[in-house]
Amino acid sequence: MATTAAGTHAPGEIQLYRIPDAMKVLGLGRSVIYELIRSNRLRAVRQGRARLIPAAAIREYVALLEAEAQEAAK
């Protein structure tokens, strides 16, 4: 495994997801993804005209949801 500033990843592992791919990974609709980006709950970067979601941002969003669920269960 290679180590980067963002963390550890396997060679060949996807690091940046296009919006349709992020939709599939998260199981969310297009408008929900864009709303999460607008509300700063999901980080995105730009490469030219393309908006891309870093794999680390997806992991961070899932961790955020888990933390919120734990807090709500208390």
Protein backbone atom coordinates (compact mmCIF):
# COMPACT_ATOMS: atom_id res chain seq x y z
CA MET A 1 0.00 0.00 0.00
CA ALA A 2 1.15 3.48 -0.81
CA THR A 3 0.83 6.27 1.69
CA THR A 4 -0.20 9.79 0.74
CA ALA A 5 -0.98 12.93 2.68
CA ALA A 6 -4.66 11.92 2.54
CA GLY A 7 -4.01 8.46 3.97
CA THR A 8 -3.29 4.96 2.80
CA HIS A 9 -4.56 3.48 -0.45
CA ALA A 10 -3.93 0.45 -2.60
CA PRO A 11 -2.33 0.92 -6.02
CA GLY A 12 -5.08 1.18 -8.62
CA GLU A 13 -7.68 2.22 -6.02
CA ILE A 14 -9.89 5.06 -7.26
CA GLN A 15 -8.95 8.33 -5.59
CA LEU A 16 -11.34 10.72 -7.35
CA TYR A 17 -14.96 9.94 -8.21
CA ARG A 18 -17.07 11.74 -10.79
CA ILE A 19 -20.54 12.69 -9.55
CA PRO A 20 -22.31 9.66 -11.14
CA ASP A 21 -19.76 7.32 -9.54
CA ALA A 22 -20.10 9.01 -6.13
CA MET A 23 -23.88 8.62 -6.50
CA LYS A 24 -23.44 4.86 -6.92
CA VAL A 25 -20.93 4.53 -4.07
CA LEU A 26 -23.11 6.47 -1.62
CA GLY A 27 -26.47 5.32 -2.98
CA LEU A 28 -27.69 8.91 -3.26
CA GLY A 29 -29.29 10.93 -6.03
CA ARG A 30 -27.60 13.63 -8.07
CA SER A 31 -29.42 16.54 -6.42
CA VAL A 32 -28.59 15.17 -2.94
CA ILE A 33 -24.89 14.94 -3.84
CA TYR A 34 -24.86 18.54 -5.06
CA GLU A 35 -26.73 19.71 -1.95
CA LEU A 36 -24.16 17.96 0.26
CA ILE A 37 -21.39 19.73 -1.66
CA ARG A 38 -23.15 23.11 -1.33
CA SER A 39 -23.65 22.61 2.40
CA ASN A 40 -19.98 21.58 2.87
CA ARG A 41 -20.92 18.14 4.20
CA LEU A 42 -19.18 16.49 1.23
CA ARG A 43 -15.92 17.89 -0.12
CA ALA A 44 -15.40 18.22 -3.85
CA VAL A 45 -12.57 19.45 -6.04
CA ARG A 46 -12.51 20.84 -9.57
CA GLN A 47 -10.34 19.58 -12.40
CA GLY A 48 -11.12 21.78 -15.36
CA ARG A 49 -14.90 21.74 -15.65
CA ALA A 50 -15.29 18.41 -13.88
CA ARG A 51 -16.33 18.28 -10.23
CA LEU A 52 -14.70 15.32 -8.50
CA ILE A 53 -15.22 13.79 -5.07
CA PRO A 54 -12.03 12.54 -3.37
CA ALA A 55 -12.28 9.00 -1.95
CA ALA A 56 -11.18 10.43 1.40
CA ALA A 57 -14.15 12.85 1.31
CA ILE A 58 -16.54 9.92 0.86
CA ARG A 59 -14.98 8.14 3.85
CA GLU A 60 -15.21 11.36 5.90
CA TYR A 61 -18.88 11.79 4.98
CA VAL A 62 -19.70 8.21 6.00
CA ALA A 63 -17.84 8.75 9.30
CA LEU A 64 -19.84 11.96 9.83
CA LEU A 65 -23.10 10.07 9.33
CA GLU A 66 -22.00 7.36 11.77
CA ALA A 67 -21.03 9.98 14.38
CA GLU A 68 -24.39 11.74 13.96
CA ALA A 69 -26.22 8.42 14.33
CA GLN A 70 -24.31 7.64 17.53
CA GLU A 71 -25.07 11.09 18.91
CA ALA A 72 -28.76 10.73 18.07
CA ALA A 73 -28.87 7.33 19.81
CA LYS A 74 -27.66 8.82 23.11
